[in-house]
Protein backbone atom coordinates (compact mmCIF):
# COMPACT_ATOMS: atom_id res chain seq x y z
CA MET A 1 126.48 86.09 106.04
CA THR A 2 123.33 87.58 106.42
CA GLU A 3 124.31 90.46 108.77
CA ASN A 4 127.53 90.99 106.57
CA ILE A 5 125.14 91.32 103.06
CA SER A 6 122.75 93.30 104.94
CA SER A 7 125.36 95.81 106.37
CA PHE A 8 127.48 95.90 102.92
CA ILE A 9 123.63 97.02 101.09
CA SER A 10 122.64 99.40 103.50
CA ALA A 11 126.35 100.86 103.47
CA SER A 12 126.41 101.28 99.64
CA ILE A 13 123.06 102.70 99.33
CA HIS A 14 122.18 105.40 101.47
CA GLU A 15 118.29 105.16 100.61
CA MET A 16 118.03 101.99 102.12
CA ASN A 17 118.51 103.90 105.77
CA GLY A 18 115.62 106.32 105.86
CA ASN A 19 112.86 103.82 107.22
CA ALA A 20 113.38 101.79 110.37
CA ASP A 21 110.52 99.36 109.08
CA ALA A 22 112.18 99.00 105.74
CA THR A 23 115.68 98.44 107.37
CA GLY A 24 114.25 95.46 109.53
CA LEU A 25 112.80 93.81 106.44
CA LEU A 26 116.12 94.03 104.66
CA HIS A 27 117.42 91.82 106.96
CA THR A 28 114.70 89.48 106.95
CA SER A 29 114.90 89.71 103.04
CA VAL A 30 118.40 88.96 102.67
CA LYS A 31 118.23 86.02 105.22
CA ALA A 32 115.19 84.39 103.12
CA ASN A 33 116.88 85.06 99.80
CA ILE A 34 120.05 83.57 100.97
CA ASN A 35 118.30 80.20 101.82
CA ALA A 36 116.23 80.26 98.59
CA ALA A 37 119.45 81.00 96.69
CA ILE A 38 121.10 77.82 98.26
CA ASP A 39 118.47 75.45 97.38
CA PHE A 40 118.29 76.63 93.92
CA LEU A 41 121.92 76.09 93.67
CA ALA A 42 121.91 72.81 95.29
CA ASP A 43 118.91 71.96 92.51
CA ARG A 44 116.63 71.21 95.23
CA THR A 45 114.54 74.20 93.48
CA ASP A 46 113.87 74.09 89.66
CA HIS A 47 113.77 76.92 87.31
CA ASP A 48 110.05 76.68 86.75
CA ASN A 49 109.21 76.97 90.70
CA LEU A 50 111.70 79.56 91.24
CA ARG A 51 109.95 82.66 92.95
CA ALA A 52 111.38 85.44 95.16
CA PRO A 53 110.47 84.65 98.90
CA HIS A 54 107.43 86.17 100.32
CA ALA A 55 109.74 88.16 102.92
CA ALA A 56 111.52 89.64 99.69
CA LEU A 57 107.98 90.68 98.29
CA CYS A 58 106.92 92.53 101.66
CA HIS A 59 110.21 94.32 101.85
CA ALA A 60 109.42 95.55 98.10
CA ARG A 61 105.94 96.82 99.27
CA VAL A 62 107.19 98.55 102.27
CA LEU A 63 109.91 99.97 100.16
CA ALA A 64 107.07 101.40 97.55
CA HIS A 65 105.62 103.47 100.43
CA THR A 66 109.24 105.45 101.15
CA HIS A 67 111.51 107.51 99.29
CA VAL A 68 113.37 104.62 98.19
CA PRO A 69 113.40 104.43 94.11
CA LEU A 70 113.11 101.33 92.08
CA THR A 71 116.73 101.60 90.99
CA ALA A 72 117.89 101.22 94.59
CA LEU A 73 115.76 98.04 95.06
CA ALA A 74 117.42 96.73 92.12
CA ARG A 75 121.06 97.58 92.92
CA ALA A 76 120.54 95.80 96.45
CA TYR A 77 119.71 92.83 94.89
CA HIS A 78 122.71 92.74 92.66
CA LEU A 79 125.28 94.31 95.39
CA GLY A 80 124.02 91.27 97.65
CA GLN A 81 124.54 88.83 94.80
CA SER A 82 128.01 90.14 94.42
CA ARG A 83 128.67 89.77 98.23
CA PHE A 84 127.02 86.25 98.10
CA LEU A 85 129.13 84.86 95.54
CA GLU A 86 132.15 86.41 97.48
CA HIS A 87 131.31 84.40 100.56
CA VAL A 88 130.79 81.48 98.51
CA LEU A 89 134.06 80.94 96.54
CA PHE A 90 135.91 82.01 99.69
CA SER A 91 134.67 79.06 101.20
CA LEU A 92 135.23 77.02 98.36
CA SER A 93 138.73 77.97 98.32
CA ARG A 94 139.21 76.66 101.67
CA ALA A 95 137.41 73.50 101.04
CA THR A 96 139.50 70.15 100.49
CA HIS A 97 137.74 69.41 97.62
CA THR A 98 138.09 72.21 94.75
CA LEU A 99 135.28 72.57 92.22
CA ALA A 100 136.42 71.99 88.09
CA ALA A 101 136.41 75.46 86.17
CA ASN A 102 133.20 73.85 84.43
CA GLN A 103 131.28 73.65 88.04
CA LEU A 104 132.51 76.96 89.06
CA ALA A 105 131.00 78.48 85.61
CA HIS A 106 127.85 76.41 86.27
CA LEU A 107 127.38 77.94 90.07
CA VAL A 108 128.11 81.68 88.82
CA SER A 109 125.44 81.09 85.79
CA ARG A 110 122.85 79.68 88.03
CA SER A 111 123.43 82.40 90.44
CA ALA A 112 122.65 85.17 87.84
CA VAL A 113 119.70 83.05 86.81
CA PHE A 114 118.27 82.89 90.37
CA ILE A 115 119.15 86.84 90.98
CA ASP A 116 117.56 87.81 87.65
CA ARG A 117 114.36 85.84 88.46
CA VAL A 118 113.93 86.85 92.35
CA CYS A 119 114.89 90.88 91.29
CA GLN A 120 112.52 90.73 88.49
CA ASP A 121 109.67 89.31 91.17
CA ALA A 122 110.52 92.02 93.82
CA CYS A 123 110.73 95.11 91.36
CA SER A 124 107.10 94.06 89.97
CA GLU A 125 105.78 93.64 93.49
CA TYR A 126 107.45 97.39 93.96
CA GLU A 127 106.06 98.76 91.06
CA ALA A 128 102.06 97.22 91.41
CA GLU A 129 102.37 98.57 95.02
CA LYS A 130 103.32 101.72 93.61
CA SER A 131 100.28 101.68 91.10
CA LYS A 132 98.15 100.85 94.04
CA ILE A 133 99.11 104.03 96.00
CA ARG A 134 98.85 106.26 92.83
CA GLU A 135 95.43 105.10 92.52
CA GLU A 136 94.36 105.51 95.98
CA ASN A 137 96.24 109.22 95.97
CA SER A 138 94.30 110.11 92.98
CA SER A 139 91.04 109.18 94.35
CA VAL A 140 91.92 111.01 97.58
CA ASN A 141 93.20 113.80 95.43
CA THR A 142 89.70 114.08 93.60
CA GLU A 143 87.77 113.89 96.65
CA LEU A 144 89.59 116.77 98.20
CA GLU A 145 89.13 118.54 94.78
CA ARG A 146 85.40 118.22 95.13
CA ALA A 147 85.39 119.16 99.06
CA MET A 148 87.06 122.34 98.00
CA SER A 149 84.49 123.33 95.73
CA PRO A 150 82.75 126.63 96.51
CA SER A 151 79.55 124.97 95.97
CA CYS A 152 80.20 121.94 98.21
CA THR A 153 78.64 122.36 101.59
CA ASP A 154 79.30 118.52 102.79
CA PRO A 155 80.84 117.76 105.71
CA LEU A 156 84.41 117.11 105.20
CA ASP A 157 84.58 113.75 106.92
CA ALA A 158 82.40 112.59 104.00
CA TYR A 159 85.56 112.79 101.93
CA LYS A 160 88.80 110.85 101.76
CA ILE A 161 91.09 112.63 104.35
CA ASP A 162 93.63 111.20 106.14
CA SER A 163 92.20 109.94 109.13
CA TYR A 164 94.89 111.53 111.38
CA TYR A 165 94.34 115.02 110.00
CA ASN A 166 92.33 117.04 112.96
CA LEU A 167 89.89 119.41 110.70
CA THR A 168 88.66 120.74 114.16
CA GLY A 169 92.08 122.46 114.69
CA ASN A 170 94.00 125.46 113.08
CA HIS A 171 95.05 125.29 109.45
CA ILE A 172 97.21 127.05 106.98
CA ALA A 173 97.18 125.88 103.58
CA ILE A 174 100.02 126.42 101.02
CA GLU A 175 100.65 125.49 97.41
CA PHE A 176 103.66 124.44 95.94
CA TRP A 177 104.99 124.40 92.37
CA THR A 178 107.83 124.70 90.01
CA ASN A 179 108.72 127.56 88.21
CA ASP A 180 109.68 125.83 85.09
CA ARG A 181 106.70 123.43 85.29
CA GLU A 182 109.11 120.44 84.94
CA PRO A 183 108.32 117.56 87.23
CA PHE A 184 109.88 117.38 90.49
CA PRO A 185 111.11 114.24 91.88
CA SER A 186 108.71 112.71 94.42
CA LYS A 187 111.28 111.95 96.89
CA SER A 188 111.93 115.88 97.02
CA TRP A 189 108.26 117.08 97.35
CA HIS A 190 108.34 114.80 100.14
CA GLN A 191 111.29 116.17 101.66
CA LEU A 192 110.12 119.83 101.10
CA VAL A 193 106.82 119.18 102.80
CA ASP A 194 108.33 117.46 105.78
CA THR A 195 110.88 120.11 106.24
CA VAL A 196 108.23 122.82 106.18
CA ASN A 197 106.15 121.16 108.49
CA VAL A 198 108.95 121.13 111.08
CA ARG A 199 110.16 124.62 110.47
CA LEU A 200 106.50 125.95 110.95
CA GLY A 201 106.35 123.84 114.22
CA THR A 202 103.32 122.22 113.34
CA ILE A 203 101.26 119.63 115.65
CA GLY A 204 101.17 116.61 113.39
CA ARG A 205 101.42 115.58 109.72
CA PRO A 206 100.14 117.34 106.85
CA GLN A 207 97.65 116.72 104.36
CA VAL A 208 98.76 116.36 100.81
CA ASN A 209 96.80 116.93 97.73
CA SER A 210 98.74 116.41 95.07
CA LYS A 211 98.31 117.98 91.55
CA GLY A 212 100.49 116.10 89.40
CA ASP A 213 104.48 116.20 89.30
CA ALA A 214 104.91 119.87 89.38
CA ARG A 215 102.31 121.08 91.85
CA SER A 216 100.89 120.07 95.48
CA LEU A 217 98.56 121.71 97.55
CA VAL A 218 99.26 121.09 101.74
CA TRP A 219 97.50 121.76 104.57
CA PHE A 220 99.58 122.42 107.96
CA PRO A 221 98.12 121.55 111.23
CA ILE A 222 99.20 125.01 113.07
CA ILE A 223 99.06 125.28 116.88
CA HIS A 224 97.97 128.80 117.52
CA ALA A 225 95.85 131.24 115.36
CA GLY A 226 97.65 133.91 113.67
CA ARG A 227 100.36 134.81 111.38
CA ILE A 228 103.14 132.41 110.85
CA CYS A 229 106.68 133.45 110.11
CA LEU A 230 107.20 133.45 106.50
CA GLU A 231 111.06 133.35 106.94
CA SER A 232 110.86 129.99 107.95
CA VAL A 233 109.27 128.94 104.17
CA THR A 234 111.08 131.30 102.55
CA ASP A 235 114.44 129.44 103.77
CA VAL A 236 113.43 126.53 102.98
CA LEU A 237 112.56 127.56 99.22
CA GLN A 238 115.86 129.05 98.41
CA LYS A 239 117.49 125.53 99.20
CA TYR A 240 115.41 124.11 96.20
CA GLY A 241 115.30 127.19 93.69
CA ARG A 242 112.81 126.03 91.54
CA ILE A 243 110.28 126.06 93.87
CA ARG A 244 107.51 128.73 94.60
CA ALA A 245 104.55 128.83 97.10
CA ALA A 246 101.47 130.68 97.72
CA ILE A 247 100.11 131.12 101.17
CA GLY A 248 96.52 131.40 102.64
CA THR A 249 95.71 132.76 106.19
CA VAL A 250 95.66 130.55 109.16
CA GLN A 251 92.10 129.37 109.53
CA SER A 252 90.24 126.98 112.12
CA GLY A 253 87.87 124.19 111.77
CA GLU A 254 86.23 122.67 108.52
CA ASN A 255 85.11 125.99 107.29
CA GLY A 256 88.71 127.27 107.69
CA PHE A 257 90.12 124.37 106.31
CA ARG A 258 88.43 124.80 102.76
CA LYS A 259 88.75 128.73 103.10
CA THR A 260 92.85 128.74 103.57
CA ALA A 261 92.99 126.30 100.48
CA ARG A 262 90.81 128.80 98.44
CA GLN A 263 93.22 131.62 99.48
CA ALA A 264 96.66 129.40 98.74
CA GLU A 265 94.89 128.42 95.22
CA ARG A 266 93.83 132.16 94.30
CA ALA A 267 97.18 133.62 95.53
CA ALA A 268 98.89 130.91 93.36
CA ARG A 269 96.85 131.79 90.12
CA VAL A 270 97.76 135.41 90.60
CA VAL A 271 101.63 134.72 89.97
CA SER A 272 101.98 131.09 88.76
CA ASP A 273 101.85 132.98 84.80
CA GLY A 274 103.49 136.29 86.41
CA LYS A 275 106.64 137.52 87.58
CA VAL A 276 109.58 134.98 88.21
CA ASP A 277 112.11 137.66 89.61
CA ILE A 278 110.13 138.16 92.92
CA SER A 279 110.28 136.50 96.19
CA PRO A 280 109.36 132.62 95.98
CA VAL A 281 106.64 133.08 98.78
CA VAL A 282 103.35 135.18 98.36
CA THR A 283 100.83 135.37 100.68
CA PHE A 284 97.02 135.59 100.05
CA GLU A 285 97.14 139.05 102.08
CA GLU A 286 99.64 140.53 99.65
CA VAL A 287 97.32 139.80 96.25
CA ALA A 288 93.46 139.80 97.76
CA ALA A 289 92.44 142.40 95.90
CA ILE A 290 93.73 141.12 92.84
CA THR A 291 92.73 137.90 93.13
CA LEU A 292 89.19 139.18 93.19
CA LEU A 293 89.57 141.59 90.11
CA LEU A 294 91.54 138.77 88.84
CA GLU A 295 87.97 137.18 87.82
CA ASP A 296 86.97 139.90 85.52
CA PRO A 297 90.52 140.57 83.80
CA GLU A 298 88.81 143.10 81.37
CA SER A 299 87.88 145.29 84.29
CA LEU A 300 91.14 145.12 85.83
CA ARG A 301 92.82 146.28 82.40
CA ASP A 302 90.60 149.22 82.51
CA LEU A 303 91.10 150.21 85.99
CA ALA A 304 94.89 149.81 85.28
CA GLU A 305 94.67 151.69 82.15
CA ASP A 306 92.46 154.97 83.80
CA SER A 307 94.79 154.99 86.65
CA LEU A 308 98.32 154.32 85.62
CA GLY A 309 98.09 156.46 82.23
CA GLY A 310 101.49 156.34 80.42
CA LEU A 311 102.77 154.16 83.19
CA LEU A 312 100.95 151.26 81.57
CA LEU A 313 103.69 151.12 79.07
CA ASP A 314 106.19 148.37 79.91
CA SER A 315 109.62 149.71 79.72
CA ALA A 316 112.82 150.21 81.94
CA ARG A 317 112.05 153.80 82.89
CA ASN A 318 108.27 152.79 83.87
CA ARG A 319 109.24 149.78 85.87
CA TRP A 320 111.32 151.96 88.03
CA LEU A 321 108.71 154.45 88.33
CA ARG A 322 106.04 152.20 88.97
CA GLU A 323 108.02 150.35 91.66
CA THR A 324 108.94 153.40 93.44
CA LEU A 325 105.41 154.61 93.66
CA ARG A 326 103.97 151.24 94.62
CA VAL A 327 106.67 151.25 97.58
CA TYR A 328 106.31 154.98 98.39
CA LEU A 329 102.37 154.65 98.65
CA ALA A 330 102.77 151.05 100.86
CA ASN A 331 104.87 153.24 103.19
CA ASN A 332 102.02 155.80 103.48
CA CYS A 333 103.88 158.24 101.22
CA SER A 334 107.07 158.23 103.36
CA VAL A 335 110.24 159.40 101.23
CA THR A 336 112.40 158.30 104.02
CA ALA A 337 110.92 154.53 104.59
CA THR A 338 110.90 154.19 100.72
CA ALA A 339 114.72 155.15 100.27
CA HIS A 340 114.97 152.80 103.16
CA ASP A 341 113.18 150.01 101.61
CA MET A 342 114.62 150.56 97.99
CA THR A 343 118.30 151.51 99.17
CA ILE A 344 118.18 154.49 97.11
CA HIS A 345 118.53 157.97 98.30
CA ARG A 346 115.64 160.32 99.29
CA ASN A 347 116.15 162.50 96.26
CA THR A 348 115.81 159.63 93.83
CA VAL A 349 112.82 158.94 95.48
CA LYS A 350 111.26 162.31 95.12
CA TYR A 351 112.55 162.77 91.41
CA ARG A 352 110.84 159.26 90.80
CA ILE A 353 107.75 160.27 92.50
CA ARG A 354 107.00 163.59 90.51
CA GLN A 355 107.67 161.47 87.30
CA ALA A 356 105.26 159.17 88.36
CA ALA A 357 102.81 161.36 89.05
CA LYS A 358 103.52 163.19 85.83
CA GLU A 359 103.16 159.95 83.65
CA CYS A 360 99.77 159.14 85.89
CA GLY A 361 98.33 162.48 85.30
CA CYS A 362 97.02 162.79 89.05
CA LYS A 363 97.91 164.57 92.37
CA LEU A 364 99.08 161.98 94.86
CA ASP A 365 97.45 164.06 97.48
CA ASP A 366 94.07 163.30 96.51
CA ALA A 367 92.90 160.22 98.43
CA SER A 368 89.88 159.28 96.08
CA ILE A 369 92.17 158.04 93.62
CA LEU A 370 94.93 156.51 95.51
CA MET A 371 93.08 153.00 96.31
CA ASN A 372 92.65 152.56 92.65
CA LEU A 373 96.40 153.44 92.01
CA ARG A 374 97.52 151.01 94.58
CA ILE A 375 95.25 148.66 92.99
CA ALA A 376 96.64 149.02 89.61
CA LEU A 377 100.39 149.39 90.69
CA ASP A 378 100.19 145.73 92.47
CA ALA A 379 98.51 144.26 89.07
CA ALA A 380 101.24 145.74 87.21
CA TRP A 381 103.79 143.99 89.81
CA TRP A 382 102.62 140.70 90.16
CA THR A 383 100.51 140.00 86.82
CA PRO A 384 102.34 142.49 84.11
CA SER A 385 101.02 140.52 81.06
CA THR A 386 97.49 140.98 82.26
CA VAL A 387 97.38 144.66 82.36
CA LEU A 388 100.73 146.32 81.11
CA LYS A 389 101.27 147.47 77.36
CA LEU A 390 104.50 146.24 75.51
CA PRO A 391 106.04 149.09 73.90
CA ILE A 392 105.50 149.60 69.93
CA PRO A 393 108.47 148.26 67.77
CA LEU A 394 110.43 151.17 65.74
CA GLY A 395 109.50 150.77 62.15
CA SER A 396 106.37 148.94 62.81
CA VAL A 397 102.86 150.09 61.01
CA ASP A 398 101.50 150.87 64.28
CA ALA A 399 104.57 153.15 65.22
CA ARG A 400 104.56 154.96 61.71
CA LEU A 401 100.89 155.66 62.52
CA THR A 402 101.76 157.52 65.56
CA VAL A 403 104.09 159.66 64.40
């Protein structure tokens, strides 16, 4: 009966099959619950002394450390009760002595009392363990936040970083968050991090600093210093849709552990409240200059106003002109490369560049202004709400004053 019920639960609840330890304990828990149920149905245990067996509580605690939700644990008990009653009633149907209807009703009623009490105990144990895990994670996250502070000079081994994580190796930090700021299921967070860890070809488990249900900072142990394959992260995120990521650079040792984390967090700040129609992945290298200038947004706005001129106005036409000019400068003023990257005709590129230069009021062959112009264009691309001006609605007081 134990094997039959265990197999029935595993086949019916797929979440129960992801952890070898939990699978082994399920069998032990079912066996202990069957013995306890038989004792209770035979009146060898009274209601006041009825408790979930120790093995059942151990199983619940182990499940709390996995991705198995509480609803799955509750379902397991009710499915187990159903299969247990089937076995009992089938055995009684083959017995020479049959039970009266009131005796069968008592049997079913008493089994319901048993499963209600035992399931309640197991679920309470699960929730208590989950609460303990959250408290421990909160403590770890607080310690990590303190360790990442720019003013912190303490050795990292003084903080609650998981013992398995190698602080002397190479690391890359990635900050993940949800586009809509809505909570992301814990199970999905774990799956996302595990998948990225595999795709990056790391040499161990990542270090996770959860910042709530909608944001996490994760360090991945990288084998070699150098750049990673961004496509490996982008491909994973596209499957989730709602998740975006900001990536630091690969760094080494304890100082590198801190540095890559700060980079990822700064890159995330650039785009968290910015554009939603760009790639789900942004790297610190792409926005390094912007992260510094965002420390002084007023100066960034002044730089954008001085550099962009008429392109500072956020209109559909100006968006095309700004983007074409941004790609053109990124390609070292190559019309051919710009046309290729934007999938447009060379003549279209030339026309837009002339119009953009006219709006900016600058000459693009003047190297002294190109650096500021590129920074202003990048700021307009990544953080439009910070630097761009909205068009004045027709009919407004301001519009009439400008006529």
